C-alpha atoms as a PDB file:
ATOM      1  CA  MET A   1      -0.032  -0.215  -0.073  1.00  0.00           C
ATOM      2  CA  ASP A   2       1.305   3.340  -0.979  1.00  0.00           C
ATOM      3  CA  ASN A   3       1.204   5.425   2.247  1.00  0.00           C
ATOM      4  CA  ASN A   4       1.577   8.614   0.473  1.00  0.00           C
ATOM      5  CA  LYS A   5      -1.836   8.048  -1.094  1.00  0.00           C
ATOM      6  CA  VAL A   6      -3.592   6.978   1.819  1.00  0.00           C
ATOM      7  CA  LEU A   7      -2.347  10.437   3.199  1.00  0.00           C
ATOM      8  CA  ASP A   8      -3.663  11.861   0.156  1.00  0.00           C
ATOM      9  CA  GLU A   9      -6.977  11.005   0.764  1.00  0.00           C
ATOM     10  CA  PHE A  10      -6.950  11.766   4.673  1.00  0.00           C
ATOM     11  CA  VAL A  11      -6.112  15.446   3.756  1.00  0.00           C
ATOM     12  CA  ALA A  12      -8.254  15.468   0.997  1.00  0.00           C
ATOM     13  CA  ASN A  13     -11.204  14.358   3.670  1.00  0.00           C
ATOM     14  CA  TYR A  14      -9.665  17.043   6.393  1.00  0.00           C
ATOM     15  CA  TYR A  15      -9.869  19.791   4.009  1.00  0.00           C
ATOM     16  CA  GLY A  16     -13.364  18.913   2.834  1.00  0.00           C
ATOM     17  CA  ALA A  17     -14.714  19.387   6.221  1.00  0.00           C
ATOM     18  CA  LEU A  18     -13.007  22.596   6.490  1.00  0.00           C
ATOM     19  CA  ILE A  19     -14.560  23.921   3.254  1.00  0.00           C
ATOM     20  CA  ASP A  20     -18.116  23.050   4.701  1.00  0.00           C
ATOM     21  CA  SER A  21     -17.373  25.082   7.949  1.00  0.00           C
ATOM     22  CA  VAL A  22     -15.429  27.958   6.386  1.00  0.00           C
ATOM     23  CA  TYR A  23     -17.361  29.056   3.335  1.00  0.00           C
ATOM     24  CA  LYS A  24     -20.731  27.561   3.759  1.00  0.00           C
ATOM     25  CA  GLU A  25     -22.563  29.843   1.537  1.00  0.00           C
ATOM     26  CA  PRO A  26     -21.306  32.434  -1.349  1.00  0.00           C
ATOM     27  CA  VAL A  27     -19.749  35.685   0.167  1.00  0.00           C
ATOM     28  CA  ASP A  28     -22.357  38.093   0.374  1.00  0.00           C
ATOM     29  CA  ILE A  29     -22.273  40.894  -2.147  1.00  0.00           C
ATOM     30  CA  THR A  30     -23.681  44.635  -1.511  1.00  0.00           C
ATOM     31  CA  PRO A  31     -22.172  47.864  -3.214  1.00  0.00           C
ATOM     32  CA  THR A  32     -21.699  49.817  -0.001  1.00  0.00           C
ATOM     33  CA  GLU A  33     -19.612  46.493   1.682  1.00  0.00           C
ATOM     34  CA  THR A  34     -18.235  45.184  -1.140  1.00  0.00           C
ATOM     35  CA  ALA A  35     -14.950  45.820  -3.116  1.00  0.00           C
ATOM     36  CA  LEU A  36     -13.422  44.583  -6.509  1.00  0.00           C
ATOM     37  CA  ILE A  37      -9.589  44.418  -6.184  1.00  0.00           C
ATOM     38  CA  ILE A  38      -8.011  43.915  -9.633  1.00  0.00           C
ATOM     39  CA  ILE A  39      -4.293  42.919  -9.033  1.00  0.00           C
ATOM     40  CA  ASP A  40      -1.416  43.594 -11.563  1.00  0.00           C
ATOM     41  CA  ALA A  41      -3.347  43.892 -14.728  1.00  0.00           C
ATOM     42  CA  GLN A  42      -0.564  45.699 -16.242  1.00  0.00           C
ATOM     43  CA  LYS A  43       1.337  45.224 -19.578  1.00  0.00           C
ATOM     44  CA  CYS A  44       4.210  43.290 -17.906  1.00  0.00           C
ATOM     45  CA  ILE A  45       1.949  40.239 -18.085  1.00  0.00           C
ATOM     46  CA  THR A  46       1.906  40.351 -22.054  1.00  0.00           C
ATOM     47  CA  LYS A  47       3.387  38.393 -24.400  1.00  0.00           C
ATOM     48  CA  GLU A  48       4.493  41.510 -25.728  1.00  0.00           C
ATOM     49  CA  TYR A  49       6.634  42.311 -22.784  1.00  0.00           C
ATOM     50  CA  PHE A  50       8.577  39.207 -22.635  1.00  0.00           C
ATOM     51  CA  VAL A  51       9.340  39.362 -26.613  1.00  0.00           C
ATOM     52  CA  LYS A  52      10.618  42.447 -25.982  1.00  0.00           C
ATOM     53  CA  GLY A  53      12.502  41.667 -22.834  1.00  0.00           C
ATOM     54  CA  TYR A  54      14.135  38.594 -24.472  1.00  0.00           C
ATOM     55  CA  GLU A  55      15.142  40.414 -27.562  1.00  0.00           C
ATOM     56  CA  ALA A  56      16.580  43.016 -25.409  1.00  0.00           C
ATOM     57  CA  MET A  57      18.833  40.594 -23.901  1.00  0.00           C
ATOM     58  CA  GLY A  58      19.735  39.506 -27.692  1.00  0.00           C
ATOM     59  CA  ILE A  59      17.946  35.968 -26.934  1.00  0.00           C
ATOM     60  CA  ASP A  60      16.196  34.291 -29.943  1.00  0.00           C
ATOM     61  CA  VAL A  61      12.326  34.078 -29.228  1.00  0.00           C
ATOM     62  CA  GLU A  62      11.322  32.143 -31.799  1.00  0.00           C
ATOM     63  CA  PRO A  63      11.765  28.556 -30.060  1.00  0.00           C
ATOM     64  CA  MET A  64       9.813  30.026 -27.612  1.00  0.00           C
ATOM     65  CA  MET A  65       6.733  31.357 -29.582  1.00  0.00           C
ATOM     66  CA  THR A  66       4.561  28.244 -28.922  1.00  0.00           C
ATOM     67  CA  ALA A  67       5.013  28.397 -25.078  1.00  0.00           C
ATOM     68  CA  LEU A  68       4.580  32.563 -25.423  1.00  0.00           C
ATOM     69  CA  ASN A  69       1.350  32.100 -27.644  1.00  0.00           C
ATOM     70  CA  GLN A  70       0.009  29.990 -25.166  1.00  0.00           C
ATOM     71  CA  LEU A  71       0.990  32.245 -22.129  1.00  0.00           C
ATOM     72  CA  GLU A  72      -0.984  35.017 -24.134  1.00  0.00           C
ATOM     73  CA  GLU A  73      -4.178  32.856 -24.828  1.00  0.00           C
ATOM     74  CA  ASN A  74      -4.383  32.261 -21.152  1.00  0.00           C
ATOM     75  CA  THR A  75      -3.867  35.820 -20.329  1.00  0.00           C
ATOM     76  CA  ASN A  76      -6.490  37.009 -22.691  1.00  0.00           C
ATOM     77  CA  ARG A  77      -9.194  34.645 -21.233  1.00  0.00           C
ATOM     78  CA  ALA A  78      -8.312  35.880 -17.590  1.00  0.00           C
ATOM     79  CA  LEU A  79      -8.589  39.534 -19.073  1.00  0.00           C
ATOM     80  CA  PHE A  80     -11.696  38.834 -20.814  1.00  0.00           C
ATOM     81  CA  ASN A  81     -13.517  37.904 -17.604  1.00  0.00           C
ATOM     82  CA  ILE A  82     -11.952  40.574 -15.512  1.00  0.00           C
ATOM     83  CA  GLU A  83     -13.256  43.298 -17.849  1.00  0.00           C
ATOM     84  CA  LYS A  84     -17.119  41.808 -17.814  1.00  0.00           C
ATOM     85  CA  ILE A  85     -16.516  41.723 -14.130  1.00  0.00           C
ATOM     86  CA  LEU A  86     -15.167  45.176 -13.878  1.00  0.00           C
ATOM     87  CA  ASN A  87     -17.701  46.777 -16.052  1.00  0.00           C
ATOM     88  CA  LYS A  88     -20.750  44.810 -14.057  1.00  0.00           C
ATOM     89  CA  CYS A  89     -19.567  45.941 -10.593  1.00  0.00           C
ATOM     90  CA  ARG A  90     -19.584  49.566 -12.131  1.00  0.00           C
ATOM     91  CA  GLU A  91     -22.688  49.139 -13.117  1.00  0.00           C
ATOM     92  CA  LYS A  92     -23.800  47.767  -9.756  1.00  0.00           C
ATOM     93  CA  GLY A  93     -21.907  50.545  -7.643  1.00  0.00           C
ATOM     94  CA  ILE A  94     -19.227  48.278  -6.562  1.00  0.00           C
ATOM     95  CA  ARG A  95     -15.909  50.162  -6.128  1.00  0.00           C
ATOM     96  CA  PRO A  96     -13.117  48.813  -8.069  1.00  0.00           C
ATOM     97  CA  PHE A  97      -9.311  48.858  -6.873  1.00  0.00           C
ATOM     98  CA  HIS A  98      -6.745  48.909  -9.326  1.00  0.00           C
ATOM     99  CA  VAL A  99      -3.150  47.619  -7.903  1.00  0.00           C
ATOM    100  CA  LYS A 100      -0.337  47.337 -10.040  1.00  0.00           C
ATOM    101  CA  ILE A 101       3.632  46.676  -9.609  1.00  0.00           C
ATOM    102  CA  GLU A 102       5.390  50.035  -9.849  1.00  0.00           C
ATOM    103  CA  SER A 103       8.090  51.981  -7.976  1.00  0.00           C
ATOM    104  CA  TYR A 104       7.962  55.471  -6.912  1.00  0.00           C
ATOM    105  CA  LEU A 105      11.311  56.758  -7.752  1.00  0.00           C
ATOM    106  CA  PRO A 106      12.368  57.114 -11.693  1.00  0.00           C
ATOM    107  CA  GLY A 107      15.115  54.706 -10.878  1.00  0.00           C
ATOM    108  CA  ALA A 108      13.044  52.335  -9.173  1.00  0.00           C
ATOM    109  CA  GLU A 109      15.731  52.507  -6.167  1.00  0.00           C
ATOM    110  CA  ASP A 110      12.607  51.649  -3.941  1.00  0.00           C
ATOM    111  CA  THR A 111      12.050  48.508  -5.305  1.00  0.00           C
ATOM    112  CA  GLY A 112      11.346  45.740  -2.606  1.00  0.00           C
ATOM    113  CA  ARG A 113      13.933  43.099  -1.877  1.00  0.00           C
ATOM    114  CA  LEU A 114      12.506  40.249  -3.788  1.00  0.00           C
ATOM    115  CA  HIS A 115      11.418  41.705  -6.523  1.00  0.00           C
ATOM    116  CA  ALA A 116      14.846  43.558  -6.904  1.00  0.00           C
ATOM    117  CA  SER A 117      16.707  40.189  -6.674  1.00  0.00           C
ATOM    118  CA  ALA A 118      14.278  38.957  -9.379  1.00  0.00           C
ATOM    119  CA  GLY A 119      15.466  41.837 -11.636  1.00  0.00           C
ATOM    120  CA  MET A 120      11.709  43.189 -11.536  1.00  0.00           C
ATOM    121  CA  PHE A 121      12.325  46.877 -11.328  1.00  0.00           C
ATOM    122  CA  TYR A 122       9.346  48.729 -12.830  1.00  0.00           C
ATOM    123  CA  PRO A 123       9.524  52.718 -12.960  1.00  0.00           C
ATOM    124  CA  PRO A 124       6.725  54.934 -13.339  1.00  0.00           C
ATOM    125  CA  ASN A 125       5.615  55.722 -16.793  1.00  0.00           C
ATOM    126  CA  THR A 126       7.226  52.734 -18.461  1.00  0.00           C
ATOM    127  CA  MET A 127       5.354  50.179 -20.650  1.00  0.00           C
ATOM    128  CA  THR A 128       5.349  47.746 -17.872  1.00  0.00           C
ATOM    129  CA  THR A 129       3.286  49.627 -15.223  1.00  0.00           C
ATOM    130  CA  GLU A 130       0.866  50.486 -17.890  1.00  0.00           C
ATOM    131  CA  PHE A 131      -3.008  48.639 -17.284  1.00  0.00           C
ATOM    132  CA  CYS A 132      -3.772  46.440 -20.008  1.00  0.00           C
ATOM    133  CA  ASP A 133      -6.428  47.959 -22.222  1.00  0.00           C
ATOM    134  CA  GLU A 134      -9.271  46.051 -21.023  1.00  0.00           C
ATOM    135  CA  VAL A 135      -9.328  47.042 -17.586  1.00  0.00           C
ATOM    136  CA  LYS A 136      -7.777  50.740 -17.610  1.00  0.00           C
ATOM    137  CA  PRO A 137      -9.183  52.628 -14.626  1.00  0.00           C
ATOM    138  CA  LEU A 138     -11.636  55.269 -14.984  1.00  0.00           C
ATOM    139  CA  ASP A 139     -11.197  58.806 -13.550  1.00  0.00           C
ATOM    140  CA  GLY A 140     -11.610  59.017 -10.029  1.00  0.00           C
ATOM    141  CA  GLU A 141     -11.055  55.092  -9.271  1.00  0.00           C
ATOM    142  CA  ILE A 142      -8.593  54.210  -6.771  1.00  0.00           C
ATOM    143  CA  ILE A 143      -5.026  52.886  -7.997  1.00  0.00           C
ATOM    144  CA  LEU A 144      -2.467  51.736  -5.824  1.00  0.00           C
ATOM    145  CA  LYS A 145       0.941  50.666  -6.336  1.00  0.00           C
ATOM    146  CA  LYS A 146       3.412  48.114  -4.771  1.00  0.00           C
ATOM    147  CA  THR A 147       7.034  46.836  -5.239  1.00  0.00           C
ATOM    148  CA  CYS A 148       6.444  43.510  -3.640  1.00  0.00           C
ATOM    149  CA  SER A 149       3.732  40.442  -4.085  1.00  0.00           C
ATOM    150  CA  GLY A 150       0.946  41.210  -1.391  1.00  0.00           C
ATOM    151  CA  ILE A 151      -1.107  44.092  -1.515  1.00  0.00           C
ATOM    152  CA  HIS A 152      -1.183  44.829   2.263  1.00  0.00           C
ATOM    153  CA  VAL A 153       2.590  44.663   2.782  1.00  0.00           C
ATOM    154  CA  GLY A 154       3.026  47.133  -0.214  1.00  0.00           C
ATOM    155  CA  THR A 155       0.164  49.452  -0.040  1.00  0.00           C
ATOM    156  CA  PRO A 156      -2.226  50.984   2.405  1.00  0.00           C
ATOM    157  CA  ILE A 157      -5.390  48.947   0.909  1.00  0.00           C
ATOM    158  CA  ASP A 158      -6.390  47.747   4.382  1.00  0.00           C
ATOM    159  CA  ARG A 159      -6.890  51.219   5.810  1.00  0.00           C
ATOM    160  CA  ILE A 160      -8.790  52.334   2.733  1.00  0.00           C
ATOM    161  CA  LEU A 161     -11.012  49.366   2.830  1.00  0.00           C
ATOM    162  CA  ARG A 162     -11.961  49.836   6.287  1.00  0.00           C
ATOM    163  CA  ASN A 163     -12.616  53.493   5.709  1.00  0.00           C
ATOM    164  CA  LEU A 164     -14.958  52.735   3.271  1.00  0.00           C
ATOM    165  CA  HIS A 165     -16.736  50.012   5.617  1.00  0.00           C
ATOM    166  CA  VAL A 166     -15.962  47.268   3.351  1.00  0.00           C
ATOM    167  CA  LYS A 167     -15.975  43.872   4.627  1.00  0.00           C
ATOM    168  CA  ASN A 168     -16.205  41.915   1.420  1.00  0.00           C
ATOM    169  CA  VAL A 169     -14.060  41.485  -1.411  1.00  0.00           C
ATOM    170  CA  ILE A 170     -14.051  40.057  -5.030  1.00  0.00           C
ATOM    171  CA  VAL A 171     -10.419  39.349  -6.217  1.00  0.00           C
ATOM    172  CA  VAL A 172      -9.056  38.879  -9.791  1.00  0.00           C
ATOM    173  CA  GLY A 173      -5.931  39.372 -11.407  1.00  0.00           C
ATOM    174  CA  PHE A 174      -2.591  38.059 -11.759  1.00  0.00           C
ATOM    175  CA  TYR A 175      -0.546  35.490 -10.983  1.00  0.00           C
ATOM    176  CA  THR A 176      -2.744  33.184  -9.171  1.00  0.00           C
ATOM    177  CA  ASP A 177       0.559  31.608  -7.188  1.00  0.00           C
ATOM    178  CA  GLN A 178       2.231  34.776  -6.392  1.00  0.00           C
ATOM    179  CA  CYS A 179       0.488  38.398  -5.858  1.00  0.00           C
ATOM    180  CA  VAL A 180      -2.801  36.853  -5.895  1.00  0.00           C
ATOM    181  CA  SER A 181      -2.046  34.100  -3.422  1.00  0.00           C
ATOM    182  CA  THR A 182      -0.246  36.317  -1.338  1.00  0.00           C
ATOM    183  CA  SER A 183      -2.963  38.886  -0.899  1.00  0.00           C
ATOM    184  CA  VAL A 184      -5.869  36.275  -0.647  1.00  0.00           C
ATOM    185  CA  ARG A 185      -4.446  34.938   2.339  1.00  0.00           C
ATOM    186  CA  ASP A 186      -3.511  38.218   3.890  1.00  0.00           C
ATOM    187  CA  LEU A 187      -7.055  39.549   3.336  1.00  0.00           C
ATOM    188  CA  SER A 188      -8.560  36.517   4.896  1.00  0.00           C
ATOM    189  CA  ASP A 189      -6.482  36.733   7.887  1.00  0.00           C
ATOM    190  CA  LEU A 190      -7.515  40.254   8.076  1.00  0.00           C
ATOM    191  CA  GLY A 191     -11.100  39.566   8.579  1.00  0.00           C
ATOM    192  CA  TYR A 192     -12.439  40.047   5.182  1.00  0.00           C
ATOM    193  CA  ALA A 193     -14.818  37.744   3.411  1.00  0.00           C
ATOM    194  CA  VAL A 194     -12.980  36.774   0.070  1.00  0.00           C
ATOM    195  CA  ASP A 195     -14.491  35.497  -3.027  1.00  0.00           C
ATOM    196  CA  LEU A 196     -11.788  34.285  -5.551  1.00  0.00           C
ATOM    197  CA  ILE A 197     -13.133  34.265  -9.353  1.00  0.00           C
ATOM    198  CA  GLU A 198     -10.911  31.315 -10.440  1.00  0.00           C
ATOM    199  CA  ASP A 199     -11.112  32.229 -14.364  1.00  0.00           C
ATOM    200  CA  ALA A 200     -10.356  35.725 -13.710  1.00  0.00           C
ATOM    201  CA  MET A 201      -6.969  34.881 -13.042  1.00  0.00           C
ATOM    202  CA  THR A 202      -4.034  32.756 -13.861  1.00  0.00           C
ATOM    203  CA  ALA A 203      -0.440  32.142 -13.484  1.00  0.00           C
ATOM    204  CA  MET A 204       2.327  31.814 -15.928  1.00  0.00           C
ATOM    205  CA  SER A 205       1.272  27.988 -16.575  1.00  0.00           C
ATOM    206  CA  GLU A 206      -2.093  26.588 -16.177  1.00  0.00           C
ATOM    207  CA  GLU A 207      -0.337  23.777 -13.784  1.00  0.00           C
ATOM    208  CA  ARG A 208       0.957  26.677 -11.544  1.00  0.00           C
ATOM    209  CA  HIS A 209      -2.099  28.155 -11.554  1.00  0.00           C
ATOM    210  CA  ILE A 210      -4.451  24.750 -10.588  1.00  0.00           C
ATOM    211  CA  LYS A 211      -1.785  24.085  -7.918  1.00  0.00           C
ATOM    212  CA  ALA A 212      -2.399  27.942  -6.187  1.00  0.00           C
ATOM    213  CA  LEU A 213      -6.189  27.299  -6.286  1.00  0.00           C
ATOM    214  CA  GLN A 214      -5.529  24.424  -4.276  1.00  0.00           C
ATOM    215  CA  GLY A 215      -3.893  26.018  -1.687  1.00  0.00           C
ATOM    216  CA  ILE A 216      -6.654  28.414  -1.325  1.00  0.00           C
ATOM    217  CA  GLN A 217     -10.027  27.746  -2.533  1.00  0.00           C
ATOM    218  CA  LYS A 218     -12.973  27.378  -0.187  1.00  0.00           C
ATOM    219  CA  ILE A 219     -10.297  27.839   3.010  1.00  0.00           C
ATOM    220  CA  TYR A 220      -8.877  31.441   2.387  1.00  0.00           C
ATOM    221  CA  ALA A 221     -11.499  32.391  -0.234  1.00  0.00           C
ATOM    222  CA  ASN A 222     -14.992  31.405  -1.355  1.00  0.00           C
ATOM    223  CA  SER A 223     -14.283  30.325  -5.327  1.00  0.00           C
ATOM    224  CA  GLU A 224     -16.609  30.715  -8.069  1.00  0.00           C
ATOM    225  CA  THR A 225     -16.560  31.292 -11.767  1.00  0.00           C
ATOM    226  CA  THR A 226     -17.053  34.587 -13.891  1.00  0.00           C
ATOM    227  CA  GLN A 227     -20.173  33.099 -15.014  1.00  0.00           C
ATOM    228  CA  GLU A 228     -21.661  32.510 -11.386  1.00  0.00           C
ATOM    229  CA  LEU A 229     -20.465  35.880 -10.134  1.00  0.00           C
ATOM    230  CA  LEU A 230     -22.277  37.982 -13.034  1.00  0.00           C
ATOM    231  CA  ALA A 231     -25.515  36.048 -12.430  1.00  0.00           C
ATOM    232  CA  ARG A 232     -25.308  36.970  -8.599  1.00  0.00           C
ATOM    233  CA  LEU A 233     -24.483  40.499  -9.499  1.00  0.00           C
ATOM    234  CA  GLU A 234     -27.376  40.809 -11.982  1.00  0.00           C
ATOM    235  CA  ASN A 235     -29.680  40.428  -9.135  1.00  0.00           C
ATOM    236  CA  ILE A 236     -28.035  43.408  -7.075  1.00  0.00           C
ATOM    237  CA  GLU A 237     -30.032  46.311  -6.781  1.00  0.00           C
ATOM    238  CA  SER A 238     -27.433  49.246  -8.145  1.00  0.00           C
END
């Protein structure tokens, strides 16, 4: 008998019981107590960014195009769903928060250690920090920037949410296994009811996306699809 398989079954049952106790019902959504948080929907997640980056380093991107084309397809699918959610939230009076990776200084000297170690220097007013066209903020919408993974370490979002009397949050964005996962865990630990929209986010690969979801679905956040969320939003009075 494979003892690891026995343990896998035990753990699956263990977390299954937790799921039933933490999020018995979908997260309650009301315009006054709910916010939409869009994480890192910016040009640095696009195929164009990767192609330009490799070309700048003198690396032939042709052998990578199959992978980059799949990355683009996955990214665009998530962006398409985020756009639908954003538009519906605006219609219903649910305030969006647009969070992105961007330094304050033009030389990006203020970048956090982890991002700096990974070479992730994103100065203001560069292509990398531009929001993707599908989900650009409107005038008057909140924009927050960070140079780390988590939205709570990197921005004052917790204070702003509390000032606005927000208790419930809808979370979408990039990447599931990095900034999204970190932020969802923090949101949950800080007392927010979190609604994670599983097909309005992605990681750099489908495998990493699925594994990341396994670690946060139904424990740190309720999980539903874009279609399920939109159906619930449709019934909300704006």
